[in-house]
Amino acid sequence: MKSPQRLGHLVEVFQGNQPLVEGLVALFLEHTPQLLAELLMLVREGRINEFHGVAFRLKSNLRVLGFPEIRNQVEAIGVSLRAGKTASELEPALNALELSLLEACHQLSASH
């Protein structure tokens, strides 16, 4: 789904409250790159216990703005970590998550 459509859907979900949607998008754009960087660092450093808190915040943000496919990527990484996969085994998934999130931020910022 393209961002203008996504934003239109959000305005509809939030009953026409455009300022609320704009605020949510601004917060997403402000915090998501930091959360992504922290999440990637924690996985790559093997700090799995700390990963789950950051993953929870990131998934919550993704849920609010309607990015279930990216939320599922974060969830899949968490499942793989709990199953004992190493950071090096997860590198392709981490790279894919990074690309997806950066693209989502780019789309939102272009239409914001």
C-alpha atoms as a PDB file:
ATOM      1  CA  MET A   1       0.000   0.000   0.000  1.00  0.00           C
ATOM      2  CA  LYS A   2       1.408   3.388  -0.950  1.00  0.00           C
ATOM      3  CA  SER A   3       1.768   6.008   1.742  1.00  0.00           C
ATOM      4  CA  PRO A   4      -0.833   8.500   0.498  1.00  0.00           C
ATOM      5  CA  GLN A   5      -3.361   5.666   0.580  1.00  0.00           C
ATOM      6  CA  ARG A   6      -2.047   4.574   3.963  1.00  0.00           C
ATOM      7  CA  LEU A   7      -2.340   8.113   5.319  1.00  0.00           C
ATOM      8  CA  GLY A   8      -5.852   8.407   3.939  1.00  0.00           C
ATOM      9  CA  HIS A   9      -6.737   5.152   5.643  1.00  0.00           C
ATOM     10  CA  LEU A  10      -5.258   6.401   8.921  1.00  0.00           C
ATOM     11  CA  VAL A  11      -7.264   9.613   8.741  1.00  0.00           C
ATOM     12  CA  GLU A  12     -10.350   7.467   8.224  1.00  0.00           C
ATOM     13  CA  VAL A  13      -9.431   5.159  11.126  1.00  0.00           C
ATOM     14  CA  PHE A  14      -8.865   8.154  13.393  1.00  0.00           C
ATOM     15  CA  GLN A  15     -12.207   9.656  12.340  1.00  0.00           C
ATOM     16  CA  GLY A  16     -10.840  12.473  10.214  1.00  0.00           C
ATOM     17  CA  ASN A  17      -8.368  13.698  12.793  1.00  0.00           C
ATOM     18  CA  GLN A  18      -5.639  14.837  10.372  1.00  0.00           C
ATOM     19  CA  PRO A  19      -3.520  16.525  13.098  1.00  0.00           C
ATOM     20  CA  LEU A  20      -3.451  13.277  15.085  1.00  0.00           C
ATOM     21  CA  VAL A  21      -2.349  11.306  12.025  1.00  0.00           C
ATOM     22  CA  GLU A  22       0.319  13.886  11.189  1.00  0.00           C
ATOM     23  CA  GLY A  23       1.561  13.711  14.780  1.00  0.00           C
ATOM     24  CA  LEU A  24       1.724   9.927  14.686  1.00  0.00           C
ATOM     25  CA  VAL A  25       3.640  10.010  11.414  1.00  0.00           C
ATOM     26  CA  ALA A  26       6.041  12.638  12.785  1.00  0.00           C
ATOM     27  CA  LEU A  27       6.697  10.518  15.888  1.00  0.00           C
ATOM     28  CA  PHE A  28       7.180   7.422  13.739  1.00  0.00           C
ATOM     29  CA  LEU A  29       9.687   9.242  11.532  1.00  0.00           C
ATOM     30  CA  GLU A  30      11.498  10.640  14.549  1.00  0.00           C
ATOM     31  CA  HIS A  31      11.772   7.417  16.557  1.00  0.00           C
ATOM     32  CA  THR A  32      11.833   4.560  14.066  1.00  0.00           C
ATOM     33  CA  PRO A  33      15.389   5.068  12.749  1.00  0.00           C
ATOM     34  CA  GLN A  34      16.680   5.068  16.345  1.00  0.00           C
ATOM     35  CA  LEU A  35      14.671   1.969  17.260  1.00  0.00           C
ATOM     36  CA  LEU A  36      15.906   0.208  14.135  1.00  0.00           C
ATOM     37  CA  ALA A  37      19.538   1.053  14.864  1.00  0.00           C
ATOM     38  CA  GLU A  38      19.160  -0.097  18.466  1.00  0.00           C
ATOM     39  CA  LEU A  39      17.436  -3.327  17.448  1.00  0.00           C
ATOM     40  CA  LEU A  40      20.111  -4.164  14.872  1.00  0.00           C
ATOM     41  CA  MET A  41      22.892  -3.404  17.355  1.00  0.00           C
ATOM     42  CA  LEU A  42      21.327  -5.574  20.065  1.00  0.00           C
ATOM     43  CA  VAL A  43      20.956  -8.561  17.746  1.00  0.00           C
ATOM     44  CA  ARG A  44      24.453  -8.194  16.338  1.00  0.00           C
ATOM     45  CA  GLU A  45      25.903  -7.906  19.861  1.00  0.00           C
ATOM     46  CA  GLY A  46      23.905 -10.917  21.072  1.00  0.00           C
ATOM     47  CA  ARG A  47      21.975  -8.872  23.662  1.00  0.00           C
ATOM     48  CA  ILE A  48      18.800 -10.865  23.186  1.00  0.00           C
ATOM     49  CA  ASN A  49      17.111  -9.960  26.487  1.00  0.00           C
ATOM     50  CA  GLU A  50      17.241  -6.283  25.564  1.00  0.00           C
ATOM     51  CA  PHE A  51      16.067  -7.001  22.009  1.00  0.00           C
ATOM     52  CA  HIS A  52      12.551  -7.925  23.068  1.00  0.00           C
ATOM     53  CA  GLY A  53      11.747  -4.543  24.666  1.00  0.00           C
ATOM     54  CA  VAL A  54      12.941  -2.633  21.615  1.00  0.00           C
ATOM     55  CA  ALA A  55      11.148  -5.056  19.302  1.00  0.00           C
ATOM     56  CA  PHE A  56       7.923  -4.547  21.266  1.00  0.00           C
ATOM     57  CA  ARG A  57       8.108  -0.747  20.876  1.00  0.00           C
ATOM     58  CA  LEU A  58       8.927  -1.022  17.186  1.00  0.00           C
ATOM     59  CA  LYS A  59       6.093  -3.502  16.538  1.00  0.00           C
ATOM     60  CA  SER A  60       3.665  -1.219  18.381  1.00  0.00           C
ATOM     61  CA  ASN A  61       4.657   1.717  16.184  1.00  0.00           C
ATOM     62  CA  LEU A  62       4.302  -0.414  13.059  1.00  0.00           C
ATOM     63  CA  ARG A  63       0.879  -1.649  14.179  1.00  0.00           C
ATOM     64  CA  VAL A  64      -0.435   1.887  14.730  1.00  0.00           C
ATOM     65  CA  LEU A  65       0.647   3.067  11.280  1.00  0.00           C
ATOM     66  CA  GLY A  66      -0.511  -0.083   9.530  1.00  0.00           C
ATOM     67  CA  PHE A  67       2.676  -1.854   8.481  1.00  0.00           C
ATOM     68  CA  PRO A  68       1.795  -5.475   9.334  1.00  0.00           C
ATOM     69  CA  GLU A  69       4.287  -6.910   6.853  1.00  0.00           C
ATOM     70  CA  ILE A  70       7.203  -5.132   8.545  1.00  0.00           C
ATOM     71  CA  ARG A  71       5.829  -5.952  11.983  1.00  0.00           C
ATOM     72  CA  ASN A  72       5.870  -9.610  10.922  1.00  0.00           C
ATOM     73  CA  GLN A  73       9.537  -9.283   9.924  1.00  0.00           C
ATOM     74  CA  VAL A  74      10.391  -8.057  13.437  1.00  0.00           C
ATOM     75  CA  GLU A  75       8.344 -10.878  14.954  1.00  0.00           C
ATOM     76  CA  ALA A  76      10.084 -13.484  12.769  1.00  0.00           C
ATOM     77  CA  ILE A  77      13.501 -12.241  13.899  1.00  0.00           C
ATOM     78  CA  GLY A  78      12.379 -12.555  17.526  1.00  0.00           C
ATOM     79  CA  VAL A  79      11.142 -16.103  16.937  1.00  0.00           C
ATOM     80  CA  SER A  80      14.450 -17.007  15.281  1.00  0.00           C
ATOM     81  CA  LEU A  81      16.412 -15.558  18.197  1.00  0.00           C
ATOM     82  CA  ARG A  82      14.353 -17.555  20.692  1.00  0.00           C
ATOM     83  CA  ALA A  83      15.048 -20.648  18.578  1.00  0.00           C
ATOM     84  CA  GLY A  84      18.774 -20.057  18.987  1.00  0.00           C
ATOM     85  CA  LYS A  85      19.744 -18.563  15.638  1.00  0.00           C
ATOM     86  CA  THR A  86      22.880 -16.445  15.678  1.00  0.00           C
ATOM     87  CA  ALA A  87      23.256 -12.884  14.476  1.00  0.00           C
ATOM     88  CA  SER A  88      25.215 -14.056  11.452  1.00  0.00           C
ATOM     89  CA  GLU A  89      22.422 -16.481  10.523  1.00  0.00           C
ATOM     90  CA  LEU A  90      19.924 -13.625  10.845  1.00  0.00           C
ATOM     91  CA  GLU A  91      21.920 -11.105   8.840  1.00  0.00           C
ATOM     92  CA  PRO A  92      19.774 -11.482   5.674  1.00  0.00           C
ATOM     93  CA  ALA A  93      16.598 -10.963   7.728  1.00  0.00           C
ATOM     94  CA  LEU A  94      18.151  -7.967   9.508  1.00  0.00           C
ATOM     95  CA  ASN A  95      19.142  -6.414   6.179  1.00  0.00           C
ATOM     96  CA  ALA A  96      15.660  -7.003   4.770  1.00  0.00           C
ATOM     97  CA  LEU A  97      14.083  -5.419   7.860  1.00  0.00           C
ATOM     98  CA  GLU A  98      16.365  -2.410   7.574  1.00  0.00           C
ATOM     99  CA  LEU A  99      15.452  -1.920   3.914  1.00  0.00           C
ATOM    100  CA  SER A 100      11.739  -2.286   4.606  1.00  0.00           C
ATOM    101  CA  LEU A 101      11.761   0.200   7.475  1.00  0.00           C
ATOM    102  CA  LEU A 102      13.859   2.754   5.650  1.00  0.00           C
ATOM    103  CA  GLU A 103      11.548   2.508   2.633  1.00  0.00           C
ATOM    104  CA  ALA A 104       8.491   2.954   4.875  1.00  0.00           C
ATOM    105  CA  CYS A 105      10.084   6.040   6.461  1.00  0.00           C
ATOM    106  CA  HIS A 106      10.949   7.416   3.032  1.00  0.00           C
ATOM    107  CA  GLN A 107       7.402   6.905   1.758  1.00  0.00           C
ATOM    108  CA  LEU A 108       5.888   8.489   4.859  1.00  0.00           C
ATOM    109  CA  SER A 109       8.249  11.468   4.796  1.00  0.00           C
ATOM    110  CA  ALA A 110       7.539  12.044   1.086  1.00  0.00           C
ATOM    111  CA  SER A 111       3.807  12.216   1.725  1.00  0.00           C
ATOM    112  CA  HIS A 112       3.941  13.901   5.136  1.00  0.00           C
END
